C-alpha cells in the first residue's frame, strides 16, 4: 500500500515522501497516529503541489542565503571592555553578534541561529556559524576590539 508520510518516521522516510508499506502497518499505525495519509489520486495531486511550493521556498531561501553570505564576507566588528592584561570583561554572546550584524550589515538574523565556534577571552578575530536550517550553514568572521 502506498502512503504519503506527513511526519518523519524512523527507518521509513522523511516528511512528504511517498513510501510503500504493508496495508496493516498503514491502517493500524501510520494513518491513525497521523504519520501518513493514503496515496490516493487527489492526495497525490496535493502532494505534487506541496512539492512545487517547497521547491519555490527552497529557491527563495537559497537566494537569501547567497545575499547574506556576500554581505558577511567582510568581518563584523564587536567592541568589548578589555582589561590591562588583554582579557575581556564578561563575554561576547550571540545577542551582541546579531546586534552588530543588524547595525553594520543591515541584516536581521535571529540570535538563536548564530553559534560562536571559539571561546572568546581576548581581543582578536573569531568565527561563528549561522544556521539557516536544512544543512545551510554560513560561516562568519568577526573581530573583537577594545572599546
C-alpha atoms as a PDB file:
ATOM      1  CA  UNK A   1       0.000   0.000   0.000  1.00  0.00           C
ATOM      2  CA  UNK A   2       1.345   3.425  -0.916  1.00  0.00           C
ATOM      3  CA  UNK A   3       1.136   6.213   1.662  1.00  0.00           C
ATOM      4  CA  UNK A   4       2.334   9.806   1.862  1.00  0.00           C
ATOM      5  CA  UNK A   5       4.233  10.499   5.059  1.00  0.00           C
ATOM      6  CA  UNK A   6       3.146  13.607   6.945  1.00  0.00           C
ATOM      7  CA  UNK A   7       5.888  13.401   9.577  1.00  0.00           C
ATOM      8  CA  UNK A   8       9.317  11.805   9.578  1.00  0.00           C
ATOM      9  CA  UNK A   9       9.176   8.130  10.610  1.00  0.00           C
ATOM     10  CA  UNK A  10      12.323   6.308  11.720  1.00  0.00           C
ATOM     11  CA  UNK A  11      13.506   3.592   9.324  1.00  0.00           C
ATOM     12  CA  UNK A  12      10.804   4.532   6.821  1.00  0.00           C
ATOM     13  CA  UNK A  13      11.281   8.030   5.416  1.00  0.00           C
ATOM     14  CA  UNK A  14      11.024  11.761   5.836  1.00  0.00           C
ATOM     15  CA  UNK A  15       8.057  14.084   5.688  1.00  0.00           C
ATOM     16  CA  UNK A  16       6.281  14.444   2.313  1.00  0.00           C
ATOM     17  CA  UNK A  17       7.761  11.210   0.915  1.00  0.00           C
ATOM     18  CA  UNK A  18       5.709   8.545  -0.818  1.00  0.00           C
ATOM     19  CA  UNK A  19       6.537   5.099   0.540  1.00  0.00           C
ATOM     20  CA  UNK A  20       5.228   1.578   0.054  1.00  0.00           C
ATOM     21  CA  UNK A  21       4.277  -0.208   3.297  1.00  0.00           C
ATOM     22  CA  UNK A  22       2.200  -3.210   4.303  1.00  0.00           C
ATOM     23  CA  UNK A  23      -1.519  -2.468   4.460  1.00  0.00           C
ATOM     24  CA  UNK A  24      -1.867  -3.461   8.128  1.00  0.00           C
ATOM     25  CA  UNK A  25       1.013  -1.174   9.177  1.00  0.00           C
ATOM     26  CA  UNK A  26      -0.584   1.723   7.302  1.00  0.00           C
ATOM     27  CA  UNK A  27      -4.156   1.147   8.546  1.00  0.00           C
ATOM     28  CA  UNK A  28      -3.305   0.246  12.149  1.00  0.00           C
ATOM     29  CA  UNK A  29      -0.387   2.555  12.926  1.00  0.00           C
ATOM     30  CA  UNK A  30       0.623   5.207  10.376  1.00  0.00           C
ATOM     31  CA  UNK A  31      -2.792   6.599   9.456  1.00  0.00           C
ATOM     32  CA  UNK A  32      -4.378   6.598  12.992  1.00  0.00           C
ATOM     33  CA  UNK A  33      -1.259   8.193  14.514  1.00  0.00           C
ATOM     34  CA  UNK A  34      -1.368  10.923  11.806  1.00  0.00           C
ATOM     35  CA  UNK A  35       2.051   9.917  10.486  1.00  0.00           C
ATOM     36  CA  UNK A  36       0.730   9.284   6.963  1.00  0.00           C
ATOM     37  CA  UNK A  37      -2.227   9.591   4.619  1.00  0.00           C
ATOM     38  CA  UNK A  38      -3.288   7.208   1.889  1.00  0.00           C
ATOM     39  CA  UNK A  39      -1.750   7.918  -1.527  1.00  0.00           C
ATOM     40  CA  UNK A  40      -4.999   8.403  -3.464  1.00  0.00           C
ATOM     41  CA  UNK A  41      -5.167  10.357  -6.717  1.00  0.00           C
ATOM     42  CA  UNK A  42      -6.340  13.568  -5.022  1.00  0.00           C
ATOM     43  CA  UNK A  43      -3.744  13.288  -2.233  1.00  0.00           C
ATOM     44  CA  UNK A  44      -1.012  12.736  -4.846  1.00  0.00           C
ATOM     45  CA  UNK A  45      -2.062  15.948  -6.647  1.00  0.00           C
ATOM     46  CA  UNK A  46      -1.969  17.834  -3.341  1.00  0.00           C
ATOM     47  CA  UNK A  47       1.456  16.334  -2.660  1.00  0.00           C
ATOM     48  CA  UNK A  48       2.705  17.424  -6.089  1.00  0.00           C
ATOM     49  CA  UNK A  49       1.537  20.990  -5.446  1.00  0.00           C
ATOM     50  CA  UNK A  50       3.155  20.951  -1.995  1.00  0.00           C
ATOM     51  CA  UNK A  51       6.449  19.795  -3.548  1.00  0.00           C
ATOM     52  CA  UNK A  52       6.307  22.695  -6.021  1.00  0.00           C
ATOM     53  CA  UNK A  53       5.701  25.174  -3.195  1.00  0.00           C
ATOM     54  CA  UNK A  54       8.562  23.675  -1.149  1.00  0.00           C
ATOM     55  CA  UNK A  55      10.878  23.949  -4.167  1.00  0.00           C
ATOM     56  CA  UNK A  56       9.971  27.648  -4.582  1.00  0.00           C
ATOM     57  CA  UNK A  57      10.521  28.246  -0.864  1.00  0.00           C
ATOM     58  CA  UNK A  58      13.888  26.483  -1.025  1.00  0.00           C
ATOM     59  CA  UNK A  59      14.913  28.559  -4.043  1.00  0.00           C
ATOM     60  CA  UNK A  60      13.954  31.771  -2.213  1.00  0.00           C
ATOM     61  CA  UNK A  61      15.894  30.635   0.866  1.00  0.00           C
ATOM     62  CA  UNK A  62      18.998  29.883  -1.219  1.00  0.00           C
ATOM     63  CA  UNK A  63      18.832  33.343  -2.827  1.00  0.00           C
ATOM     64  CA  UNK A  64      18.524  34.918   0.626  1.00  0.00           C
ATOM     65  CA  UNK A  65      21.458  32.863   1.920  1.00  0.00           C
ATOM     66  CA  UNK A  66      23.590  33.921  -1.051  1.00  0.00           C
ATOM     67  CA  UNK A  67      22.903  37.610  -0.403  1.00  0.00           C
ATOM     68  CA  UNK A  68      23.665  37.238   3.324  1.00  0.00           C
ATOM     69  CA  UNK A  69      26.850  35.314   2.532  1.00  0.00           C
ATOM     70  CA  UNK A  70      28.014  38.043   0.155  1.00  0.00           C
ATOM     71  CA  UNK A  71      27.334  40.741   2.743  1.00  0.00           C
ATOM     72  CA  UNK A  72      29.147  38.851   5.503  1.00  0.00           C
ATOM     73  CA  UNK A  73      32.408  38.327   3.596  1.00  0.00           C
ATOM     74  CA  UNK A  74      33.930  41.326   5.371  1.00  0.00           C
ATOM     75  CA  UNK A  75      34.356  40.874   9.132  1.00  0.00           C
ATOM     76  CA  UNK A  76      31.911  42.353  11.617  1.00  0.00           C
ATOM     77  CA  UNK A  77      33.445  44.461  14.393  1.00  0.00           C
ATOM     78  CA  UNK A  78      32.373  43.978  18.010  1.00  0.00           C
ATOM     79  CA  UNK A  79      33.536  46.194  20.845  1.00  0.00           C
ATOM     80  CA  UNK A  80      34.139  44.850  24.340  1.00  0.00           C
ATOM     81  CA  UNK A  81      35.602  46.133  27.562  1.00  0.00           C
ATOM     82  CA  UNK A  82      39.147  44.846  27.806  1.00  0.00           C
ATOM     83  CA  UNK A  83      41.418  44.989  30.854  1.00  0.00           C
ATOM     84  CA  UNK A  84      45.081  45.920  31.003  1.00  0.00           C
ATOM     85  CA  UNK A  85      46.186  42.312  30.544  1.00  0.00           C
ATOM     86  CA  UNK A  86      44.223  41.971  27.287  1.00  0.00           C
ATOM     87  CA  UNK A  87      41.387  39.853  28.734  1.00  0.00           C
ATOM     88  CA  UNK A  88      37.740  40.639  28.067  1.00  0.00           C
ATOM     89  CA  UNK A  89      35.461  41.595  30.943  1.00  0.00           C
ATOM     90  CA  UNK A  90      32.415  39.345  30.655  1.00  0.00           C
ATOM     91  CA  UNK A  91      31.804  37.512  27.402  1.00  0.00           C
ATOM     92  CA  UNK A  92      30.763  38.046  23.808  1.00  0.00           C
ATOM     93  CA  UNK A  93      27.391  36.437  23.059  1.00  0.00           C
ATOM     94  CA  UNK A  94      25.310  35.688  20.012  1.00  0.00           C
ATOM     95  CA  UNK A  95      22.971  38.527  21.043  1.00  0.00           C
ATOM     96  CA  UNK A  96      25.794  41.050  20.661  1.00  0.00           C
ATOM     97  CA  UNK A  97      26.842  39.484  17.371  1.00  0.00           C
ATOM     98  CA  UNK A  98      23.282  39.594  15.994  1.00  0.00           C
ATOM     99  CA  UNK A  99      23.011  43.261  17.037  1.00  0.00           C
ATOM    100  CA  UNK A 100      26.336  44.084  15.336  1.00  0.00           C
ATOM    101  CA  UNK A 101      25.241  42.345  12.111  1.00  0.00           C
ATOM    102  CA  UNK A 102      21.980  44.293  12.173  1.00  0.00           C
ATOM    103  CA  UNK A 103      23.754  47.631  12.705  1.00  0.00           C
ATOM    104  CA  UNK A 104      26.703  47.127  10.341  1.00  0.00           C
ATOM    105  CA  UNK A 105      25.300  44.916   7.570  1.00  0.00           C
ATOM    106  CA  UNK A 106      21.552  45.740   7.792  1.00  0.00           C
ATOM    107  CA  UNK A 107      20.521  42.076   8.049  1.00  0.00           C
ATOM    108  CA  UNK A 108      18.189  40.849  10.763  1.00  0.00           C
ATOM    109  CA  UNK A 109      19.416  37.438  11.924  1.00  0.00           C
ATOM    110  CA  UNK A 110      17.869  35.614  14.860  1.00  0.00           C
ATOM    111  CA  UNK A 111      20.398  35.162  17.660  1.00  0.00           C
ATOM    112  CA  UNK A 112      19.356  31.509  18.092  1.00  0.00           C
ATOM    113  CA  UNK A 113      20.653  30.761  14.605  1.00  0.00           C
ATOM    114  CA  UNK A 114      24.137  32.036  15.458  1.00  0.00           C
ATOM    115  CA  UNK A 115      26.657  29.739  17.129  1.00  0.00           C
ATOM    116  CA  UNK A 116      30.058  31.069  18.105  1.00  0.00           C
ATOM    117  CA  UNK A 117      32.718  28.450  17.356  1.00  0.00           C
ATOM    118  CA  UNK A 118      35.584  29.701  19.538  1.00  0.00           C
ATOM    119  CA  UNK A 119      35.758  30.623  23.196  1.00  0.00           C
ATOM    120  CA  UNK A 120      36.330  34.363  23.324  1.00  0.00           C
ATOM    121  CA  UNK A 121      38.649  35.522  26.101  1.00  0.00           C
ATOM    122  CA  UNK A 122      40.642  38.311  24.469  1.00  0.00           C
ATOM    123  CA  UNK A 123      40.582  40.706  21.522  1.00  0.00           C
ATOM    124  CA  UNK A 124      41.119  39.184  18.100  1.00  0.00           C
ATOM    125  CA  UNK A 125      39.441  37.568  15.128  1.00  0.00           C
ATOM    126  CA  UNK A 126      36.931  34.738  15.672  1.00  0.00           C
ATOM    127  CA  UNK A 127      34.499  32.609  13.688  1.00  0.00           C
ATOM    128  CA  UNK A 128      30.777  31.916  14.060  1.00  0.00           C
ATOM    129  CA  UNK A 129      28.207  29.969  12.059  1.00  0.00           C
ATOM    130  CA  UNK A 130      24.717  30.990  11.053  1.00  0.00           C
ATOM    131  CA  UNK A 131      22.338  28.049  10.594  1.00  0.00           C
ATOM    132  CA  UNK A 132      19.526  28.705   8.122  1.00  0.00           C
ATOM    133  CA  UNK A 133      18.137  25.170   8.507  1.00  0.00           C
ATOM    134  CA  UNK A 134      18.279  22.146   6.218  1.00  0.00           C
ATOM    135  CA  UNK A 135      22.089  21.994   6.443  1.00  0.00           C
ATOM    136  CA  UNK A 136      22.532  25.532   5.108  1.00  0.00           C
ATOM    137  CA  UNK A 137      25.385  27.000   7.145  1.00  0.00           C
ATOM    138  CA  UNK A 138      27.123  30.322   6.567  1.00  0.00           C
ATOM    139  CA  UNK A 139      30.459  30.957   8.240  1.00  0.00           C
ATOM    140  CA  UNK A 140      31.111  34.436   9.562  1.00  0.00           C
ATOM    141  CA  UNK A 141      34.285  36.082  10.858  1.00  0.00           C
ATOM    142  CA  UNK A 142      34.109  38.833  13.422  1.00  0.00           C
ATOM    143  CA  UNK A 143      36.715  40.954  15.182  1.00  0.00           C
ATOM    144  CA  UNK A 144      36.590  41.772  18.862  1.00  0.00           C
ATOM    145  CA  UNK A 145      38.243  45.128  19.540  1.00  0.00           C
ATOM    146  CA  UNK A 146      38.743  47.257  22.662  1.00  0.00           C
ATOM    147  CA  UNK A 147      36.038  49.751  23.489  1.00  0.00           C
END
